[in-house]
N, C-alpha and C. Protein backbone atom coordinates (compact mmCIF):
# COMPACT_ATOMS: atom_id res chain seq x y z
N MET A 1 -13.95 -4.70 19.87
CA MET A 1 -13.36 -5.99 20.10
C MET A 1 -11.84 -5.84 20.07
N THR A 2 -11.16 -6.40 21.01
CA THR A 2 -9.71 -6.37 21.04
C THR A 2 -9.18 -7.78 20.82
N THR A 3 -7.96 -7.84 20.32
CA THR A 3 -7.33 -9.11 20.06
C THR A 3 -6.57 -9.54 21.31
N SER A 4 -6.77 -10.79 21.75
CA SER A 4 -6.09 -11.25 22.95
C SER A 4 -4.60 -11.45 22.69
N GLN A 5 -4.22 -11.88 21.51
CA GLN A 5 -2.82 -12.06 21.14
C GLN A 5 -2.43 -10.98 20.13
N PRO A 6 -1.24 -10.37 20.30
CA PRO A 6 -0.81 -9.38 19.31
C PRO A 6 -0.69 -10.01 17.92
N LEU A 7 -1.09 -9.27 16.92
CA LEU A 7 -1.01 -9.76 15.55
C LEU A 7 0.43 -9.81 15.09
N LEU A 8 0.78 -10.82 14.32
CA LEU A 8 2.15 -10.95 13.79
C LEU A 8 2.42 -9.87 12.74
N PHE A 9 1.43 -9.60 11.88
CA PHE A 9 1.54 -8.58 10.84
C PHE A 9 0.38 -7.61 10.95
N ARG A 10 0.63 -6.38 10.54
CA ARG A 10 -0.44 -5.39 10.45
C ARG A 10 -0.21 -4.61 9.16
N ILE A 11 -1.29 -4.25 8.46
CA ILE A 11 -1.21 -3.52 7.22
C ILE A 11 -1.96 -2.21 7.37
N GLY A 12 -1.36 -1.12 6.87
CA GLY A 12 -2.01 0.18 6.91
C GLY A 12 -2.06 0.81 5.54
N LEU A 13 -3.11 1.57 5.28
CA LEU A 13 -3.31 2.25 4.02
C LEU A 13 -3.39 3.74 4.28
N GLY A 14 -2.65 4.53 3.54
CA GLY A 14 -2.68 5.98 3.68
C GLY A 14 -2.94 6.67 2.36
N TYR A 15 -3.62 7.79 2.42
CA TYR A 15 -3.92 8.60 1.23
C TYR A 15 -3.90 10.06 1.63
N ASP A 16 -3.42 10.90 0.73
CA ASP A 16 -3.51 12.35 0.94
C ASP A 16 -3.52 13.04 -0.41
N SER A 17 -4.08 14.23 -0.43
CA SER A 17 -4.05 15.07 -1.63
C SER A 17 -4.01 16.53 -1.20
N HIS A 18 -3.43 17.36 -2.06
CA HIS A 18 -3.37 18.80 -1.82
C HIS A 18 -3.57 19.53 -3.14
N ARG A 19 -4.19 20.70 -3.04
CA ARG A 19 -4.27 21.59 -4.20
C ARG A 19 -2.87 22.11 -4.51
N LEU A 20 -2.64 22.43 -5.77
CA LEU A 20 -1.37 23.03 -6.17
C LEU A 20 -1.55 24.50 -6.46
N GLY A 21 -0.55 25.31 -6.08
CA GLY A 21 -0.55 26.73 -6.38
C GLY A 21 0.70 27.08 -7.17
N GLU A 22 0.71 28.27 -7.69
CA GLU A 22 1.86 28.71 -8.49
C GLU A 22 3.05 29.00 -7.59
N GLY A 23 4.22 28.77 -8.14
CA GLY A 23 5.47 29.06 -7.43
C GLY A 23 5.95 27.87 -6.64
N GLY A 24 7.21 27.54 -6.80
CA GLY A 24 7.79 26.38 -6.10
C GLY A 24 8.61 26.81 -4.92
N PRO A 25 9.26 25.90 -4.28
CA PRO A 25 9.33 24.48 -4.62
C PRO A 25 8.16 23.68 -4.08
N LEU A 26 8.07 22.46 -4.55
CA LEU A 26 7.06 21.51 -4.10
C LEU A 26 7.78 20.47 -3.25
N ARG A 27 7.35 20.32 -2.00
CA ARG A 27 7.99 19.33 -1.12
C ARG A 27 7.22 18.02 -1.19
N VAL A 28 7.94 16.97 -1.57
CA VAL A 28 7.35 15.63 -1.66
C VAL A 28 8.37 14.65 -1.09
N GLY A 29 7.95 13.85 -0.14
CA GLY A 29 8.84 12.86 0.45
C GLY A 29 10.03 13.47 1.15
N GLY A 30 9.86 14.68 1.68
CA GLY A 30 10.94 15.36 2.37
C GLY A 30 11.95 16.00 1.45
N VAL A 31 11.66 16.03 0.15
CA VAL A 31 12.57 16.59 -0.85
C VAL A 31 11.91 17.79 -1.50
N ASP A 32 12.63 18.90 -1.59
CA ASP A 32 12.13 20.09 -2.28
C ASP A 32 12.41 19.96 -3.77
N ILE A 33 11.34 19.97 -4.55
CA ILE A 33 11.44 19.81 -6.00
C ILE A 33 11.22 21.17 -6.64
N PRO A 34 12.25 21.70 -7.32
CA PRO A 34 12.09 23.00 -7.96
C PRO A 34 11.06 22.93 -9.08
N GLY A 35 10.42 24.04 -9.34
CA GLY A 35 9.45 24.06 -10.42
C GLY A 35 8.43 25.16 -10.22
N GLU A 36 7.37 25.03 -10.96
CA GLU A 36 6.36 26.09 -11.00
C GLU A 36 5.24 25.91 -9.99
N PHE A 37 5.25 24.83 -9.20
CA PHE A 37 4.15 24.55 -8.28
C PHE A 37 4.62 24.36 -6.84
N HIS A 38 3.71 24.64 -5.91
CA HIS A 38 3.86 24.25 -4.51
C HIS A 38 2.50 23.72 -4.05
N ALA A 39 2.53 22.86 -3.04
CA ALA A 39 1.29 22.31 -2.50
C ALA A 39 0.73 23.27 -1.45
N ILE A 40 -0.57 23.43 -1.45
CA ILE A 40 -1.24 24.33 -0.52
C ILE A 40 -1.74 23.51 0.67
N GLY A 41 -1.32 23.92 1.87
CA GLY A 41 -1.73 23.21 3.07
C GLY A 41 -1.34 23.97 4.30
N HIS A 42 -1.81 23.52 5.44
CA HIS A 42 -1.53 24.19 6.71
C HIS A 42 -0.09 23.95 7.13
N SER A 43 0.40 22.72 6.96
CA SER A 43 1.79 22.40 7.26
C SER A 43 2.60 22.65 5.99
N ASP A 44 3.70 21.93 5.80
CA ASP A 44 4.45 22.06 4.56
C ASP A 44 3.78 21.34 3.39
N ALA A 45 2.66 20.68 3.65
CA ALA A 45 1.81 20.04 2.63
C ALA A 45 2.53 18.94 1.85
N ASP A 46 3.39 18.20 2.53
CA ASP A 46 4.10 17.09 1.89
C ASP A 46 3.15 15.90 1.77
N VAL A 47 2.58 15.75 0.60
CA VAL A 47 1.52 14.78 0.36
C VAL A 47 2.00 13.34 0.63
N LEU A 48 3.23 13.03 0.28
CA LEU A 48 3.73 11.67 0.51
C LEU A 48 3.90 11.38 1.99
N LEU A 49 4.51 12.31 2.73
CA LEU A 49 4.72 12.07 4.15
C LEU A 49 3.41 12.05 4.93
N HIS A 50 2.41 12.80 4.47
CA HIS A 50 1.09 12.74 5.11
C HIS A 50 0.47 11.36 4.90
N ALA A 51 0.59 10.82 3.70
CA ALA A 51 0.04 9.50 3.42
C ALA A 51 0.82 8.41 4.18
N VAL A 52 2.14 8.58 4.31
CA VAL A 52 2.94 7.64 5.10
C VAL A 52 2.48 7.65 6.56
N THR A 53 2.26 8.84 7.10
CA THR A 53 1.80 8.97 8.49
C THR A 53 0.47 8.24 8.68
N ASP A 54 -0.47 8.46 7.78
CA ASP A 54 -1.77 7.81 7.91
C ASP A 54 -1.67 6.29 7.75
N ALA A 55 -0.79 5.82 6.87
CA ALA A 55 -0.62 4.38 6.70
C ALA A 55 -0.07 3.76 7.99
N LEU A 56 0.94 4.40 8.59
CA LEU A 56 1.51 3.89 9.84
C LEU A 56 0.47 3.87 10.95
N MET A 57 -0.27 4.96 11.07
CA MET A 57 -1.27 5.04 12.14
C MET A 57 -2.42 4.06 11.89
N GLY A 58 -2.80 3.89 10.64
CA GLY A 58 -3.85 2.94 10.31
C GLY A 58 -3.45 1.51 10.64
N ALA A 59 -2.17 1.18 10.42
CA ALA A 59 -1.70 -0.17 10.68
C ALA A 59 -1.80 -0.55 12.15
N ILE A 60 -1.69 0.43 13.04
CA ILE A 60 -1.83 0.13 14.48
C ILE A 60 -3.19 0.55 15.02
N ALA A 61 -4.12 0.84 14.10
CA ALA A 61 -5.48 1.26 14.46
C ALA A 61 -5.46 2.51 15.33
N GLY A 62 -4.55 3.43 15.00
CA GLY A 62 -4.42 4.69 15.73
C GLY A 62 -5.18 5.81 15.06
N PRO A 63 -5.13 7.00 15.64
CA PRO A 63 -5.81 8.15 15.07
C PRO A 63 -5.14 8.62 13.77
N ASP A 64 -5.92 9.24 12.90
CA ASP A 64 -5.34 9.72 11.64
C ASP A 64 -4.58 11.03 11.86
N ILE A 65 -3.92 11.49 10.82
CA ILE A 65 -3.06 12.66 10.90
C ILE A 65 -3.83 13.91 11.32
N GLY A 66 -5.07 14.03 10.89
CA GLY A 66 -5.88 15.19 11.25
C GLY A 66 -6.21 15.25 12.74
N ARG A 67 -6.34 14.10 13.37
CA ARG A 67 -6.59 14.06 14.81
C ARG A 67 -5.30 14.25 15.60
N LEU A 68 -4.19 13.75 15.07
CA LEU A 68 -2.90 13.92 15.75
C LEU A 68 -2.36 15.34 15.63
N PHE A 69 -2.50 15.90 14.43
CA PHE A 69 -1.93 17.22 14.12
C PHE A 69 -2.99 18.08 13.43
N PRO A 70 -3.97 18.59 14.18
CA PRO A 70 -5.09 19.32 13.58
C PRO A 70 -4.63 20.53 12.76
N ASP A 71 -5.32 20.74 11.63
CA ASP A 71 -4.94 21.86 10.77
C ASP A 71 -5.45 23.21 11.28
N ASP A 72 -6.18 23.20 12.38
CA ASP A 72 -6.58 24.48 12.97
C ASP A 72 -5.70 24.84 14.17
N ALA A 73 -4.66 24.05 14.42
CA ALA A 73 -3.73 24.33 15.52
C ALA A 73 -2.56 25.15 14.97
N GLU A 74 -2.35 26.29 15.55
CA GLU A 74 -1.29 27.19 15.07
C GLU A 74 0.09 26.54 15.11
N VAL A 75 0.32 25.64 16.07
CA VAL A 75 1.61 24.97 16.19
C VAL A 75 1.94 24.14 14.94
N ASN A 76 0.92 23.77 14.16
CA ASN A 76 1.13 22.96 12.97
C ASN A 76 1.27 23.79 11.69
N ARG A 77 1.12 25.11 11.79
CA ARG A 77 1.25 25.96 10.60
C ARG A 77 2.69 25.88 10.09
N ASP A 78 2.83 25.55 8.80
CA ASP A 78 4.13 25.42 8.12
C ASP A 78 5.03 24.37 8.76
N ARG A 79 4.48 23.48 9.53
CA ARG A 79 5.26 22.45 10.22
C ARG A 79 5.86 21.45 9.23
N ASP A 80 7.06 21.01 9.52
CA ASP A 80 7.75 20.01 8.70
C ASP A 80 7.05 18.67 8.88
N SER A 81 6.62 18.07 7.80
CA SER A 81 5.87 16.82 7.87
C SER A 81 6.71 15.65 8.37
N ARG A 82 8.02 15.82 8.41
CA ARG A 82 8.86 14.78 9.01
C ARG A 82 8.46 14.57 10.46
N ASP A 83 8.04 15.64 11.14
CA ASP A 83 7.59 15.53 12.53
C ASP A 83 6.43 14.54 12.65
N PHE A 84 5.55 14.55 11.67
CA PHE A 84 4.39 13.67 11.69
C PHE A 84 4.81 12.20 11.56
N VAL A 85 5.74 11.95 10.63
CA VAL A 85 6.23 10.59 10.41
C VAL A 85 6.98 10.09 11.65
N VAL A 86 7.80 10.95 12.23
CA VAL A 86 8.57 10.56 13.43
C VAL A 86 7.62 10.16 14.56
N GLU A 87 6.57 10.93 14.77
CA GLU A 87 5.61 10.60 15.83
C GLU A 87 4.86 9.30 15.51
N ALA A 88 4.46 9.12 14.26
CA ALA A 88 3.77 7.89 13.88
C ALA A 88 4.68 6.68 14.08
N LEU A 89 5.95 6.79 13.70
CA LEU A 89 6.88 5.69 13.87
C LEU A 89 7.09 5.40 15.36
N ARG A 90 7.17 6.44 16.17
CA ARG A 90 7.32 6.24 17.61
C ARG A 90 6.16 5.41 18.15
N ARG A 91 4.96 5.72 17.71
CA ARG A 91 3.78 4.99 18.16
C ARG A 91 3.78 3.54 17.65
N VAL A 92 4.24 3.34 16.43
CA VAL A 92 4.36 1.99 15.87
C VAL A 92 5.32 1.17 16.72
N GLN A 93 6.48 1.75 17.03
CA GLN A 93 7.47 1.04 17.83
C GLN A 93 6.97 0.79 19.25
N GLU A 94 6.28 1.78 19.81
CA GLU A 94 5.71 1.63 21.14
C GLU A 94 4.69 0.49 21.18
N ALA A 95 4.00 0.28 20.07
CA ALA A 95 3.02 -0.81 19.98
C ALA A 95 3.69 -2.17 19.76
N GLY A 96 5.02 -2.16 19.57
CA GLY A 96 5.75 -3.42 19.43
C GLY A 96 5.98 -3.88 18.00
N TYR A 97 5.90 -2.95 17.05
CA TYR A 97 6.05 -3.31 15.64
C TYR A 97 7.22 -2.58 14.99
N GLU A 98 7.63 -3.10 13.83
CA GLU A 98 8.64 -2.45 13.01
C GLU A 98 8.20 -2.53 11.56
N ILE A 99 8.81 -1.72 10.72
CA ILE A 99 8.45 -1.69 9.30
C ILE A 99 8.94 -2.96 8.63
N ASN A 100 8.05 -3.67 7.97
CA ASN A 100 8.45 -4.77 7.09
C ASN A 100 8.74 -4.19 5.71
N ASN A 101 7.76 -3.51 5.15
CA ASN A 101 7.97 -2.79 3.89
C ASN A 101 6.87 -1.77 3.69
N LEU A 102 7.16 -0.83 2.81
CA LEU A 102 6.23 0.24 2.48
C LEU A 102 6.25 0.41 0.97
N ASP A 103 5.09 0.62 0.39
CA ASP A 103 4.99 0.87 -1.05
C ASP A 103 4.10 2.09 -1.24
N ALA A 104 4.51 2.95 -2.17
CA ALA A 104 3.78 4.21 -2.37
C ALA A 104 3.73 4.58 -3.84
N VAL A 105 2.72 5.36 -4.17
CA VAL A 105 2.63 5.96 -5.50
C VAL A 105 2.26 7.43 -5.33
N ILE A 106 2.98 8.28 -6.05
CA ILE A 106 2.70 9.71 -6.09
C ILE A 106 1.94 9.98 -7.39
N LEU A 107 0.87 10.72 -7.31
CA LEU A 107 0.06 11.06 -8.48
C LEU A 107 0.24 12.56 -8.76
N ALA A 108 0.96 12.87 -9.83
CA ALA A 108 1.23 14.27 -10.17
C ALA A 108 1.48 14.40 -11.67
N GLN A 109 0.81 15.34 -12.29
CA GLN A 109 1.06 15.61 -13.70
C GLN A 109 2.39 16.33 -13.87
N LYS A 110 2.56 17.37 -13.06
CA LYS A 110 3.79 18.16 -13.06
C LYS A 110 4.11 18.51 -11.62
N PRO A 111 5.35 18.64 -11.25
CA PRO A 111 6.55 18.35 -12.05
C PRO A 111 6.77 16.84 -12.13
N LYS A 112 7.61 16.45 -13.05
CA LYS A 112 7.96 15.04 -13.20
C LYS A 112 8.77 14.61 -11.97
N MET A 113 8.50 13.44 -11.46
CA MET A 113 9.10 12.97 -10.21
C MET A 113 10.26 12.01 -10.41
N ALA A 114 10.42 11.43 -11.60
CA ALA A 114 11.36 10.33 -11.81
C ALA A 114 12.77 10.61 -11.29
N SER A 115 13.29 11.80 -11.52
CA SER A 115 14.66 12.09 -11.12
C SER A 115 14.81 12.28 -9.60
N HIS A 116 13.70 12.33 -8.88
CA HIS A 116 13.72 12.54 -7.44
C HIS A 116 13.36 11.29 -6.63
N ILE A 117 12.91 10.25 -7.31
CA ILE A 117 12.40 9.05 -6.64
C ILE A 117 13.45 8.42 -5.72
N ASP A 118 14.67 8.23 -6.21
CA ASP A 118 15.69 7.57 -5.40
C ASP A 118 16.01 8.36 -4.14
N THR A 119 16.08 9.68 -4.27
CA THR A 119 16.34 10.53 -3.09
C THR A 119 15.19 10.44 -2.11
N MET A 120 13.95 10.46 -2.60
CA MET A 120 12.78 10.33 -1.73
C MET A 120 12.81 9.00 -0.99
N ARG A 121 13.15 7.92 -1.69
CA ARG A 121 13.21 6.60 -1.05
C ARG A 121 14.24 6.62 0.08
N GLU A 122 15.38 7.23 -0.15
CA GLU A 122 16.42 7.31 0.87
C GLU A 122 15.96 8.11 2.08
N VAL A 123 15.29 9.25 1.82
CA VAL A 123 14.81 10.10 2.91
C VAL A 123 13.75 9.36 3.73
N VAL A 124 12.81 8.72 3.07
CA VAL A 124 11.75 7.99 3.77
C VAL A 124 12.34 6.82 4.55
N ALA A 125 13.27 6.08 3.95
CA ALA A 125 13.90 4.96 4.66
C ALA A 125 14.61 5.44 5.91
N GLU A 126 15.31 6.56 5.82
CA GLU A 126 16.01 7.10 6.98
C GLU A 126 15.01 7.49 8.08
N MET A 127 13.92 8.16 7.69
CA MET A 127 12.90 8.54 8.67
C MET A 127 12.30 7.33 9.36
N LEU A 128 12.11 6.25 8.60
CA LEU A 128 11.48 5.05 9.13
C LEU A 128 12.49 4.08 9.74
N GLN A 129 13.75 4.49 9.79
CA GLN A 129 14.81 3.68 10.40
C GLN A 129 14.85 2.29 9.79
N THR A 130 14.81 2.26 8.47
CA THR A 130 14.80 0.99 7.75
C THR A 130 15.69 1.08 6.53
N ASP A 131 15.85 -0.01 5.83
CA ASP A 131 16.68 -0.06 4.64
C ASP A 131 15.90 0.45 3.42
N VAL A 132 16.60 1.13 2.54
CA VAL A 132 15.95 1.68 1.35
C VAL A 132 15.31 0.58 0.50
N GLY A 133 15.83 -0.63 0.59
CA GLY A 133 15.25 -1.75 -0.14
C GLY A 133 13.86 -2.15 0.35
N GLN A 134 13.45 -1.62 1.49
CA GLN A 134 12.11 -1.90 2.02
C GLN A 134 11.10 -0.82 1.62
N ILE A 135 11.55 0.16 0.84
CA ILE A 135 10.70 1.28 0.43
C ILE A 135 10.50 1.25 -1.08
N GLY A 136 9.28 1.02 -1.51
CA GLY A 136 8.92 1.09 -2.93
C GLY A 136 8.25 2.42 -3.20
N LEU A 137 8.57 3.03 -4.34
CA LEU A 137 7.99 4.33 -4.68
C LEU A 137 7.92 4.49 -6.18
N LYS A 138 6.74 4.86 -6.65
CA LYS A 138 6.51 5.13 -8.05
C LYS A 138 5.81 6.46 -8.19
N ALA A 139 5.82 7.01 -9.39
CA ALA A 139 5.07 8.23 -9.68
C ALA A 139 4.29 8.01 -10.97
N LYS A 140 3.08 8.51 -10.96
CA LYS A 140 2.21 8.40 -12.13
C LYS A 140 1.63 9.77 -12.44
N THR A 141 1.41 10.03 -13.73
CA THR A 141 0.73 11.27 -14.11
C THR A 141 -0.77 11.00 -14.11
N GLY A 142 -1.53 12.04 -14.29
CA GLY A 142 -2.98 11.90 -14.37
C GLY A 142 -3.47 11.74 -15.78
N GLU A 143 -2.55 11.70 -16.76
CA GLU A 143 -2.93 11.53 -18.17
C GLU A 143 -3.98 12.55 -18.60
N GLY A 144 -3.91 13.75 -18.01
CA GLY A 144 -4.84 14.81 -18.39
C GLY A 144 -6.24 14.67 -17.80
N VAL A 145 -6.44 13.66 -16.93
CA VAL A 145 -7.75 13.40 -16.35
C VAL A 145 -7.81 13.94 -14.92
N ASP A 146 -8.89 14.50 -14.53
CA ASP A 146 -9.21 15.01 -13.19
C ASP A 146 -8.24 16.09 -12.73
N ALA A 147 -8.33 16.45 -11.44
CA ALA A 147 -7.52 17.55 -10.90
C ALA A 147 -6.03 17.27 -10.98
N VAL A 148 -5.62 16.01 -10.79
CA VAL A 148 -4.20 15.67 -10.92
C VAL A 148 -3.76 15.88 -12.37
N GLY A 149 -4.51 15.37 -13.30
CA GLY A 149 -4.16 15.48 -14.72
C GLY A 149 -4.14 16.90 -15.25
N ARG A 150 -4.90 17.79 -14.60
CA ARG A 150 -4.90 19.20 -14.99
C ARG A 150 -3.89 20.02 -14.19
N SER A 151 -3.05 19.36 -13.40
CA SER A 151 -2.02 19.99 -12.55
C SER A 151 -2.64 20.94 -11.52
N GLU A 152 -3.85 20.60 -11.07
CA GLU A 152 -4.51 21.38 -10.02
C GLU A 152 -4.27 20.76 -8.64
N ALA A 153 -3.83 19.50 -8.63
CA ALA A 153 -3.66 18.78 -7.37
C ALA A 153 -2.55 17.75 -7.49
N ILE A 154 -2.09 17.31 -6.32
CA ILE A 154 -1.14 16.21 -6.21
C ILE A 154 -1.70 15.27 -5.15
N ALA A 155 -1.42 13.98 -5.30
CA ALA A 155 -1.94 13.00 -4.35
C ALA A 155 -0.90 11.90 -4.13
N ALA A 156 -1.08 11.14 -3.07
CA ALA A 156 -0.21 10.00 -2.80
C ALA A 156 -1.02 8.90 -2.12
N ARG A 157 -0.67 7.67 -2.45
CA ARG A 157 -1.25 6.49 -1.81
C ARG A 157 -0.11 5.65 -1.26
N VAL A 158 -0.29 5.15 -0.06
CA VAL A 158 0.76 4.38 0.61
C VAL A 158 0.15 3.17 1.29
N VAL A 159 0.84 2.05 1.19
CA VAL A 159 0.50 0.87 1.97
C VAL A 159 1.76 0.45 2.72
N VAL A 160 1.58 0.07 3.97
CA VAL A 160 2.72 -0.35 4.80
C VAL A 160 2.36 -1.66 5.48
N MET A 161 3.38 -2.54 5.59
CA MET A 161 3.21 -3.76 6.35
C MET A 161 4.17 -3.70 7.55
N LEU A 162 3.60 -3.92 8.72
CA LEU A 162 4.38 -3.96 9.95
C LEU A 162 4.53 -5.40 10.40
N THR A 163 5.66 -5.68 11.07
CA THR A 163 5.94 -6.99 11.62
C THR A 163 6.12 -6.85 13.12
N ARG A 164 5.56 -7.78 13.88
CA ARG A 164 5.72 -7.77 15.33
C ARG A 164 7.19 -7.99 15.67
N ARG A 165 7.73 -7.16 16.57
CA ARG A 165 9.13 -7.32 16.99
C ARG A 165 9.26 -8.45 17.97
């Protein structure tokens, strides 16, 4: 079923997770965080930018990141996840929408994210061609529970609201 009139607002939800390995840095939100861990993935494994990409694509009912940038394609090996966000934003704009706001949470036991949050917000806002005040970002630990809490994994959840231009 298609909508005869374009929707005024659209909401997208994104999620991603990656296993953690020894040795840093860990790239999150386009920022390299020094420390003892790195995310394991086909691209640069930026969990936040992958979730942002899926939220943007979900908001316009588009394909997910795995269909856009398959992990079995050699061209995507070690690829900068900013490329994924740029393509998703291009598609959002092509569909006639712009970012109203985005809210995200990073789930990581280690390393601590607090000192990097403001820089990540600035980087994401720049990628999305929007004001940093439209980007919410928090980080939570796993409190010792599950793979995140045992520092075996990192995850991110993102919700985005688009407004018709």
